[in-house]
Every structure is written in structure tokens, then in C-alpha cells.
Amino acid sequence: MKEIVAQLPSLPGVYLFKDADQQVIYIGKAKDLKKRVSSYFQKRDTDWKVEALLEESTSLEHIVTK
């Protein structure tokens, strides 16, 4: 998944984490997609909700907005 994050644009938009069944499990918005989504993968004290999200997600999609 980190390969996908590396390819995200530094533009505003929304991102969708999906599970193995391709069901959306989380929707977020950001002024800078790359910066925001990469923050989920930082090696620091993560919230249990973030850990659960990363364990369940198998794909990530994004939509660039204005």
C-alpha cells in the first residue's frame, strides 16, 4: 500500500480505504492527499482506530477535488 501512497498527488481531494470485499471502510478529505495519507503510515504511537483501519484495508482510492 505504501507504493500507492508514494504516487498520490500533493493536491486536495478525498481518499477511500477499502477492505478485501472492496467495500469502503473509511473516507477522508485532505488539502494535500500525499501528506495526509502518508501520515497513517508513520512509525509513531498510533491510535487503535488507525491500526484497525490499516489492518482491514487492502486498497486505497483517491479523487482530486478543488
N, C-alpha and C. Protein backbone atom coordinates (compact mmCIF):
# COMPACT_ATOMS: atom_id res chain seq x y z
N MET A 1 0.82 -1.19 0.00
CA MET A 1 0.00 0.00 0.00
C MET A 1 0.88 1.26 0.00
N LYS A 2 2.07 1.18 0.56
CA LYS A 2 2.95 2.35 0.60
C LYS A 2 3.35 2.80 -0.80
N GLU A 3 3.36 1.88 -1.76
CA GLU A 3 3.68 2.25 -3.14
C GLU A 3 2.59 3.16 -3.70
N ILE A 4 1.35 2.87 -3.34
CA ILE A 4 0.22 3.69 -3.79
C ILE A 4 0.32 5.08 -3.18
N VAL A 5 0.66 5.14 -1.91
CA VAL A 5 0.78 6.42 -1.21
C VAL A 5 1.87 7.27 -1.86
N ALA A 6 2.96 6.66 -2.25
CA ALA A 6 4.06 7.40 -2.87
C ALA A 6 3.65 8.04 -4.19
N GLN A 7 2.63 7.49 -4.84
CA GLN A 7 2.18 8.00 -6.13
C GLN A 7 1.04 9.01 -6.01
N LEU A 8 0.56 9.25 -4.81
CA LEU A 8 -0.53 10.21 -4.64
C LEU A 8 -0.05 11.62 -4.96
N PRO A 9 -0.95 12.44 -5.53
CA PRO A 9 -0.57 13.83 -5.80
C PRO A 9 -0.64 14.68 -4.54
N SER A 10 0.10 15.76 -4.54
CA SER A 10 0.05 16.72 -3.42
C SER A 10 -1.01 17.77 -3.73
N LEU A 11 -2.22 17.28 -3.93
CA LEU A 11 -3.37 18.12 -4.28
C LEU A 11 -4.51 17.84 -3.32
N PRO A 12 -5.50 18.74 -3.26
CA PRO A 12 -6.65 18.48 -2.39
C PRO A 12 -7.54 17.39 -2.98
N GLY A 13 -8.22 16.68 -2.08
CA GLY A 13 -9.12 15.64 -2.54
C GLY A 13 -9.66 14.79 -1.42
N VAL A 14 -10.25 13.67 -1.81
CA VAL A 14 -10.77 12.70 -0.85
C VAL A 14 -10.09 11.37 -1.11
N TYR A 15 -9.99 10.56 -0.05
CA TYR A 15 -9.38 9.24 -0.17
C TYR A 15 -10.30 8.21 0.46
N LEU A 16 -10.29 7.01 -0.12
CA LEU A 16 -11.17 5.95 0.32
C LEU A 16 -10.36 4.70 0.61
N PHE A 17 -10.39 4.25 1.85
CA PHE A 17 -9.77 2.97 2.20
C PHE A 17 -10.83 1.89 1.98
N LYS A 18 -10.45 0.80 1.35
CA LYS A 18 -11.39 -0.30 1.07
C LYS A 18 -10.86 -1.60 1.66
N ASP A 19 -11.80 -2.50 1.99
CA ASP A 19 -11.43 -3.80 2.54
C ASP A 19 -11.30 -4.82 1.42
N ALA A 20 -11.11 -6.08 1.77
CA ALA A 20 -10.90 -7.15 0.80
C ALA A 20 -12.10 -7.35 -0.14
N ASP A 21 -13.29 -6.98 0.33
CA ASP A 21 -14.50 -7.09 -0.49
C ASP A 21 -14.76 -5.83 -1.30
N GLN A 22 -13.80 -4.92 -1.30
CA GLN A 22 -13.89 -3.64 -1.99
C GLN A 22 -15.00 -2.75 -1.45
N GLN A 23 -15.34 -2.95 -0.19
CA GLN A 23 -16.30 -2.09 0.50
C GLN A 23 -15.53 -0.94 1.12
N VAL A 24 -16.05 0.26 1.00
CA VAL A 24 -15.41 1.42 1.59
C VAL A 24 -15.53 1.33 3.11
N ILE A 25 -14.39 1.39 3.79
CA ILE A 25 -14.41 1.33 5.25
C ILE A 25 -14.04 2.67 5.88
N TYR A 26 -13.48 3.58 5.09
CA TYR A 26 -13.17 4.91 5.61
C TYR A 26 -13.04 5.90 4.46
N ILE A 27 -13.61 7.07 4.64
CA ILE A 27 -13.48 8.17 3.68
C ILE A 27 -12.88 9.36 4.41
N GLY A 28 -11.86 9.94 3.84
CA GLY A 28 -11.24 11.12 4.44
C GLY A 28 -11.05 12.20 3.40
N LYS A 29 -10.82 13.41 3.86
CA LYS A 29 -10.54 14.52 2.95
C LYS A 29 -9.24 15.18 3.37
N ALA A 30 -8.59 15.82 2.41
CA ALA A 30 -7.30 16.43 2.70
C ALA A 30 -7.01 17.58 1.75
N LYS A 31 -6.26 18.54 2.25
CA LYS A 31 -5.77 19.62 1.40
C LYS A 31 -4.58 19.13 0.57
N ASP A 32 -3.86 18.14 1.11
CA ASP A 32 -2.70 17.54 0.43
C ASP A 32 -2.82 16.03 0.61
N LEU A 33 -3.30 15.34 -0.41
CA LEU A 33 -3.55 13.90 -0.30
C LEU A 33 -2.31 13.12 0.11
N LYS A 34 -1.20 13.38 -0.53
CA LYS A 34 0.02 12.63 -0.24
C LYS A 34 0.43 12.80 1.22
N LYS A 35 0.44 14.03 1.69
CA LYS A 35 0.86 14.31 3.06
C LYS A 35 -0.09 13.66 4.07
N ARG A 36 -1.39 13.79 3.84
CA ARG A 36 -2.36 13.27 4.80
C ARG A 36 -2.35 11.75 4.86
N VAL A 37 -2.41 11.10 3.71
CA VAL A 37 -2.48 9.64 3.70
C VAL A 37 -1.17 9.03 4.20
N SER A 38 -0.04 9.64 3.87
CA SER A 38 1.24 9.10 4.35
C SER A 38 1.35 9.20 5.86
N SER A 39 0.61 10.12 6.48
CA SER A 39 0.66 10.25 7.94
C SER A 39 0.12 9.00 8.64
N TYR A 40 -0.72 8.24 7.97
CA TYR A 40 -1.24 7.00 8.56
C TYR A 40 -0.15 5.94 8.72
N PHE A 41 0.91 6.05 7.94
CA PHE A 41 1.95 5.03 7.92
C PHE A 41 3.21 5.41 8.69
N GLN A 42 3.16 6.50 9.44
CA GLN A 42 4.31 6.92 10.23
C GLN A 42 4.49 5.99 11.42
N LYS A 43 5.74 5.75 11.77
CA LYS A 43 6.07 4.87 12.90
C LYS A 43 6.08 5.67 14.20
N ARG A 44 4.92 5.97 14.70
CA ARG A 44 4.81 6.65 15.98
C ARG A 44 3.63 6.04 16.73
N ASP A 45 3.35 6.52 17.88
CA ASP A 45 2.23 5.98 18.65
C ASP A 45 0.93 6.21 17.88
N THR A 46 0.42 5.15 17.28
CA THR A 46 -0.81 5.29 16.50
C THR A 46 -2.01 4.92 17.35
N ASP A 47 -3.09 5.55 17.03
CA ASP A 47 -4.36 5.30 17.67
C ASP A 47 -4.83 3.89 17.29
N TRP A 48 -5.55 3.23 18.16
CA TRP A 48 -6.03 1.87 17.86
C TRP A 48 -6.95 1.88 16.65
N LYS A 49 -7.67 2.99 16.41
CA LYS A 49 -8.56 3.06 15.25
C LYS A 49 -7.77 3.07 13.95
N VAL A 50 -6.64 3.77 13.95
CA VAL A 50 -5.78 3.81 12.76
C VAL A 50 -5.17 2.44 12.51
N GLU A 51 -4.72 1.78 13.57
CA GLU A 51 -4.17 0.43 13.42
C GLU A 51 -5.21 -0.52 12.84
N ALA A 52 -6.44 -0.45 13.34
CA ALA A 52 -7.50 -1.31 12.82
C ALA A 52 -7.80 -1.00 11.36
N LEU A 53 -7.81 0.28 11.02
CA LEU A 53 -8.05 0.68 9.63
C LEU A 53 -6.99 0.11 8.70
N LEU A 54 -5.74 0.23 9.09
CA LEU A 54 -4.65 -0.26 8.24
C LEU A 54 -4.65 -1.79 8.14
N GLU A 55 -5.06 -2.47 9.19
CA GLU A 55 -5.13 -3.92 9.14
C GLU A 55 -6.24 -4.40 8.21
N GLU A 56 -7.36 -3.70 8.22
CA GLU A 56 -8.52 -4.11 7.41
C GLU A 56 -8.44 -3.68 5.96
N SER A 57 -7.76 -2.59 5.69
CA SER A 57 -7.75 -2.05 4.32
C SER A 57 -6.81 -2.84 3.42
N THR A 58 -7.28 -3.04 2.20
CA THR A 58 -6.47 -3.74 1.20
C THR A 58 -6.22 -2.87 -0.03
N SER A 59 -6.99 -1.78 -0.16
CA SER A 59 -6.77 -0.88 -1.29
C SER A 59 -7.13 0.54 -0.89
N LEU A 60 -6.67 1.45 -1.73
CA LEU A 60 -6.87 2.87 -1.47
C LEU A 60 -7.16 3.55 -2.80
N GLU A 61 -8.21 4.37 -2.82
CA GLU A 61 -8.53 5.15 -3.99
C GLU A 61 -8.55 6.62 -3.60
N HIS A 62 -8.38 7.47 -4.58
CA HIS A 62 -8.44 8.90 -4.29
C HIS A 62 -9.15 9.63 -5.43
N ILE A 63 -9.70 10.79 -5.09
CA ILE A 63 -10.36 11.66 -6.06
C ILE A 63 -9.83 13.07 -5.80
N VAL A 64 -9.25 13.67 -6.80
CA VAL A 64 -8.74 15.03 -6.68
C VAL A 64 -9.91 15.99 -6.82
N THR A 65 -9.96 16.98 -5.94
CA THR A 65 -11.02 17.99 -5.96
C THR A 65 -10.40 19.38 -5.96
N LYS A 66 -11.25 20.37 -6.05
CA LYS A 66 -10.77 21.76 -5.98
C LYS A 66 -10.80 22.24 -4.57
